[in-house]
Amino acid sequence: MLTVSRLVKRFSSPEAGGAAVEIVRVEELSLAAGAHVALRGESGSGKTTFLHLIAGILAADEGRIVIDGEDVAALGESQRDRARAARIGYIFQTFNLLQGYTVLENVVLGMSFGPGGVDRARARSLLERVGLGHRLHHFPRQLSTGQQQRVAVARALANRPKLVLADEPTGNLDRAHGREALTLIREACREAGAALLLVSHDPEVLAQFEQVRDFSEINRPRARNSP
């Protein structure tokens, strides 16, 4: 489903006088169809950048990111956007819901970018699945933090993705709601047959996964003066 090889991303650093500094250098990572894998890593370790590269939000400087047979790292920005809409669901730590749109509209809008187009019946069904069938016409600001996370899960699954990326999805929730959200995410991915790649530094979250990899072991950025 997902194969990452020799992936490199650099950013210009003011601290380094504007020189390019490596943030990500991942030699290899693979994820089978339907697999659930967690990456352990502290804040600032490059985990979010890594997920953004896989999702095509950022362009890679080097390497390959093959999702369902297509190397998204070789695509232009608009092509990456289309590939993301067709294959990937993304659950952000801060949810990234559009505050001027209702719960239902947030999910429907995500569908509008996908190859299948808008399916309002599916949007309603997903929101009912996450326990928000009675909140379809509420705005995000009218929801609790846990409910907003549920909307984000429904939106991530709207286009029937083959891969779901979750960036610290319980980071803004208390323990009880965090456990609830994680269970929901994993159950929803299993029901949809989607692979899940989740990044977290929370031991309680990581303990729920059978497959956990340490991000510091797969991400080895080179120092600026390294050959």
Protein backbone atom coordinates (compact mmCIF):
# COMPACT_ATOMS: atom_id res chain seq x y z
CA MET A 1 0.00 0.00 0.00
CA LEU A 2 2.72 2.48 1.03
CA THR A 3 6.43 2.33 0.32
CA VAL A 4 8.77 5.18 1.23
CA SER A 5 12.38 5.03 0.08
CA ARG A 6 15.31 7.45 0.31
CA LEU A 7 13.01 10.32 1.18
CA VAL A 8 14.63 13.68 1.91
CA LYS A 9 13.16 17.06 2.83
CA ARG A 10 15.17 20.21 3.53
CA PHE A 11 14.17 23.64 4.76
CA SER A 12 16.04 26.93 4.77
CA SER A 13 17.10 27.74 8.33
CA PRO A 14 17.67 31.31 9.60
CA GLU A 15 19.80 29.84 12.39
CA ALA A 16 22.07 28.33 9.72
CA GLY A 17 22.36 31.58 7.80
CA GLY A 18 19.69 30.58 5.32
CA ALA A 19 21.37 27.30 4.45
CA ALA A 20 19.23 24.25 3.74
CA VAL A 21 18.89 21.93 6.73
CA GLU A 22 17.59 18.38 6.49
CA ILE A 23 14.50 17.66 8.54
CA VAL A 24 13.59 14.30 7.04
CA ARG A 25 15.80 11.54 5.69
CA VAL A 26 13.97 8.22 5.70
CA GLU A 27 15.67 5.36 3.91
CA GLU A 28 12.75 2.94 4.08
CA LEU A 29 9.25 2.52 5.43
CA SER A 30 6.52 0.24 4.17
CA LEU A 31 2.91 -0.27 5.18
CA ALA A 32 0.77 -3.17 3.99
CA ALA A 33 -2.84 -2.75 2.91
CA GLY A 34 -5.07 -2.62 5.98
CA ALA A 35 -2.15 -2.49 8.43
CA HIS A 36 -2.16 -0.23 11.50
CA VAL A 37 1.26 1.17 12.38
CA ALA A 38 2.24 3.82 14.95
CA LEU A 39 5.36 5.97 14.82
CA ARG A 40 6.79 7.03 18.17
CA GLY A 41 8.50 10.41 18.24
CA GLU A 42 8.85 13.56 20.30
CA SER A 43 7.62 16.98 19.25
CA GLY A 44 9.97 18.62 16.77
CA SER A 45 11.35 15.33 15.47
CA GLY A 46 9.93 15.80 11.97
CA LYS A 47 6.93 13.48 12.27
CA THR A 48 4.40 16.00 10.95
CA THR A 49 6.69 16.94 8.07
CA PHE A 50 6.98 13.25 7.24
CA LEU A 51 3.20 12.83 7.15
CA HIS A 52 2.84 15.96 5.04
CA LEU A 53 5.28 14.50 2.54
CA ILE A 54 3.34 11.24 2.33
CA ALA A 55 0.10 13.16 1.90
CA GLY A 56 1.60 15.37 -0.80
CA ILE A 57 1.00 18.53 1.19
CA LEU A 58 4.76 19.13 0.94
CA ALA A 59 6.98 18.29 -2.02
CA ALA A 60 9.93 15.96 -1.38
CA ASP A 61 13.44 17.06 -2.35
CA GLU A 62 14.52 13.48 -3.03
CA GLY A 63 13.14 9.97 -2.88
CA ARG A 64 9.99 8.00 -3.63
CA ILE A 65 6.59 7.76 -1.96
CA VAL A 66 4.62 5.01 -3.65
CA ILE A 67 0.96 4.76 -2.66
CA ASP A 68 -1.14 2.09 -4.29
CA GLY A 69 1.38 1.81 -7.11
CA GLU A 70 1.84 5.54 -7.85
CA ASP A 71 4.90 7.57 -6.90
CA VAL A 72 3.29 10.72 -5.49
CA ALA A 73 6.72 12.28 -4.88
CA ALA A 74 7.15 12.55 -8.66
CA LEU A 75 3.91 14.49 -9.13
CA GLY A 76 3.33 18.22 -9.40
CA GLU A 77 1.33 20.09 -6.77
CA SER A 78 -2.07 19.83 -8.47
CA GLN A 79 -1.52 16.14 -9.22
CA ARG A 80 -0.55 15.51 -5.58
CA ASP A 81 -3.76 17.26 -4.49
CA ARG A 82 -5.81 14.94 -6.69
CA ALA A 83 -3.93 11.86 -5.49
CA ARG A 84 -4.49 12.88 -1.86
CA ALA A 85 -8.21 13.37 -2.42
CA ALA A 86 -8.46 9.98 -4.13
CA ARG A 87 -6.39 7.82 -1.78
CA ILE A 88 -5.63 9.51 1.54
CA GLY A 89 -7.59 10.58 4.59
CA TYR A 90 -5.80 12.95 6.98
CA ILE A 91 -6.70 13.49 10.64
CA PHE A 92 -5.02 16.63 11.95
CA GLN A 93 -4.22 17.23 15.61
CA THR A 94 -6.02 20.58 15.43
CA PHE A 95 -8.87 19.06 13.36
CA ASN A 96 -8.72 21.84 10.69
CA LEU A 97 -12.49 22.10 10.46
CA LEU A 98 -13.96 25.04 8.55
CA GLN A 99 -15.70 27.16 11.15
CA GLY A 100 -18.13 28.80 8.72
CA TYR A 101 -19.54 25.45 7.59
CA THR A 102 -21.79 23.01 9.39
CA VAL A 103 -20.68 19.55 10.45
CA LEU A 104 -22.36 18.01 7.40
CA GLU A 105 -20.92 20.65 5.08
CA ASN A 106 -17.39 20.01 6.37
CA VAL A 107 -17.66 16.36 5.35
CA VAL A 108 -19.41 17.09 2.05
CA LEU A 109 -16.81 19.70 1.10
CA GLY A 110 -14.07 17.11 1.55
CA MET A 111 -15.95 14.83 -0.83
CA SER A 112 -16.09 17.51 -3.51
CA PHE A 113 -12.35 17.14 -4.13
CA GLY A 114 -12.48 13.36 -4.52
CA PRO A 115 -13.04 11.32 -7.68
CA GLY A 116 -16.43 10.05 -6.50
CA GLY A 117 -17.95 13.48 -6.04
CA VAL A 118 -20.42 14.52 -3.36
CA ASP A 119 -22.52 11.82 -1.69
CA ARG A 120 -24.60 13.50 1.00
CA ALA A 121 -26.16 10.20 2.06
CA ARG A 122 -22.71 8.77 2.74
CA ALA A 123 -21.69 11.94 4.61
CA ARG A 124 -24.73 11.59 6.86
CA SER A 125 -24.06 7.89 7.35
CA LEU A 126 -20.46 8.55 8.39
CA LEU A 127 -21.52 11.21 10.86
CA GLU A 128 -24.13 8.88 12.29
CA ARG A 129 -21.41 6.21 12.57
CA VAL A 130 -19.30 8.54 14.72
CA GLY A 131 -22.29 9.49 16.87
CA LEU A 132 -23.08 12.89 15.39
CA GLY A 133 -26.24 12.19 13.45
CA HIS A 134 -28.04 14.68 15.69
CA ARG A 135 -25.42 17.41 15.09
CA LEU A 136 -25.41 17.59 11.28
CA HIS A 137 -26.36 21.24 11.11
CA HIS A 138 -24.29 22.49 14.03
CA PHE A 139 -21.12 24.48 13.49
CA PRO A 140 -17.74 23.29 14.85
CA ARG A 141 -17.73 26.04 17.50
CA GLN A 142 -20.93 24.54 18.90
CA LEU A 143 -19.28 21.16 19.47
CA SER A 144 -17.05 19.85 22.21
CA THR A 145 -13.41 19.09 21.39
CA GLY A 146 -14.18 15.38 21.30
CA GLN A 147 -17.08 15.91 18.93
CA GLN A 148 -14.91 18.00 16.62
CA GLN A 149 -12.45 15.12 16.49
CA ARG A 150 -15.31 12.82 15.45
CA VAL A 151 -16.14 15.16 12.57
CA ALA A 152 -12.48 15.03 11.53
CA VAL A 153 -12.61 11.22 11.50
CA ALA A 154 -15.76 11.22 9.35
CA ARG A 155 -14.23 13.71 6.95
CA ALA A 156 -11.02 11.67 6.66
CA LEU A 157 -13.04 8.61 5.61
CA ALA A 158 -15.42 10.45 3.28
CA ASN A 159 -13.66 9.55 0.02
CA ARG A 160 -13.05 5.90 0.95
CA PRO A 161 -9.28 6.33 1.33
CA LYS A 162 -6.89 3.42 1.15
CA LEU A 163 -4.54 5.13 3.61
CA VAL A 164 -5.40 7.22 6.69
CA LEU A 165 -2.72 9.44 8.24
CA ALA A 166 -3.27 10.60 11.83
CA ASP A 167 -1.07 13.31 13.36
CA GLU A 168 -1.25 13.18 17.18
CA PRO A 169 -5.05 12.72 16.89
CA THR A 170 -5.56 12.58 20.67
CA GLY A 171 -3.21 15.45 21.49
CA ASN A 172 -5.98 17.96 22.20
CA LEU A 173 -8.22 15.53 24.10
CA ASP A 174 -8.28 14.42 27.71
CA ARG A 175 -7.44 10.81 28.51
CA ALA A 176 -10.98 9.45 28.39
CA HIS A 177 -11.87 11.17 25.14
CA GLY A 178 -8.45 10.31 23.72
CA ARG A 179 -9.03 6.60 24.25
CA GLU A 180 -12.50 6.93 22.76
CA ALA A 181 -11.20 8.77 19.69
CA LEU A 182 -8.41 6.26 19.10
CA THR A 183 -10.83 3.34 19.31
CA LEU A 184 -13.15 5.10 16.87
CA ILE A 185 -10.34 5.82 14.40
CA ARG A 186 -9.09 2.23 14.41
CA GLU A 187 -12.56 0.70 14.17
CA ALA A 188 -13.53 3.04 11.33
CA CYS A 189 -10.33 2.23 9.43
CA ARG A 190 -10.92 -1.50 9.86
CA GLU A 191 -14.49 -1.20 8.63
CA ALA A 192 -13.30 0.77 5.59
CA GLY A 193 -10.34 -1.55 4.95
CA ALA A 194 -7.96 1.42 5.15
CA ALA A 195 -4.36 1.26 6.31
CA LEU A 196 -3.54 3.57 9.23
CA LEU A 197 -0.27 5.36 9.93
CA LEU A 198 -0.44 7.29 13.21
CA VAL A 199 2.24 9.39 14.86
CA SER A 200 2.28 10.10 18.59
CA HIS A 201 4.52 10.63 21.59
CA ASP A 202 1.82 9.45 24.03
CA PRO A 203 2.73 6.07 25.62
CA GLU A 204 -0.93 5.29 26.25
CA VAL A 205 -1.76 5.74 22.57
CA LEU A 206 1.26 3.77 21.40
CA ALA A 207 0.41 0.90 23.75
CA GLN A 208 -2.76 0.25 21.74
CA PHE A 209 -0.77 -0.70 18.61
CA GLU A 210 0.79 -4.05 17.85
CA GLN A 211 3.18 -2.43 15.35
CA VAL A 212 5.15 0.53 16.72
CA ARG A 213 8.29 1.98 15.18
CA ASP A 214 10.56 4.61 16.66
CA PHE A 215 10.69 7.56 14.28
CA SER A 216 14.23 8.42 15.38
CA GLU A 217 15.35 5.03 14.10
CA ILE A 218 13.98 5.52 10.61
CA ASN A 219 14.54 9.28 10.28
CA ARG A 220 18.24 10.12 10.17
CA PRO A 221 18.78 13.66 8.86
CA ARG A 222 22.35 14.44 7.97
CA ALA A 223 24.19 17.21 9.74
CA ARG A 224 24.87 20.28 7.59
CA ASN A 225 28.55 19.47 7.18
CA SER A 226 28.09 15.75 6.54
CA PRO A 227 29.27 14.46 3.17
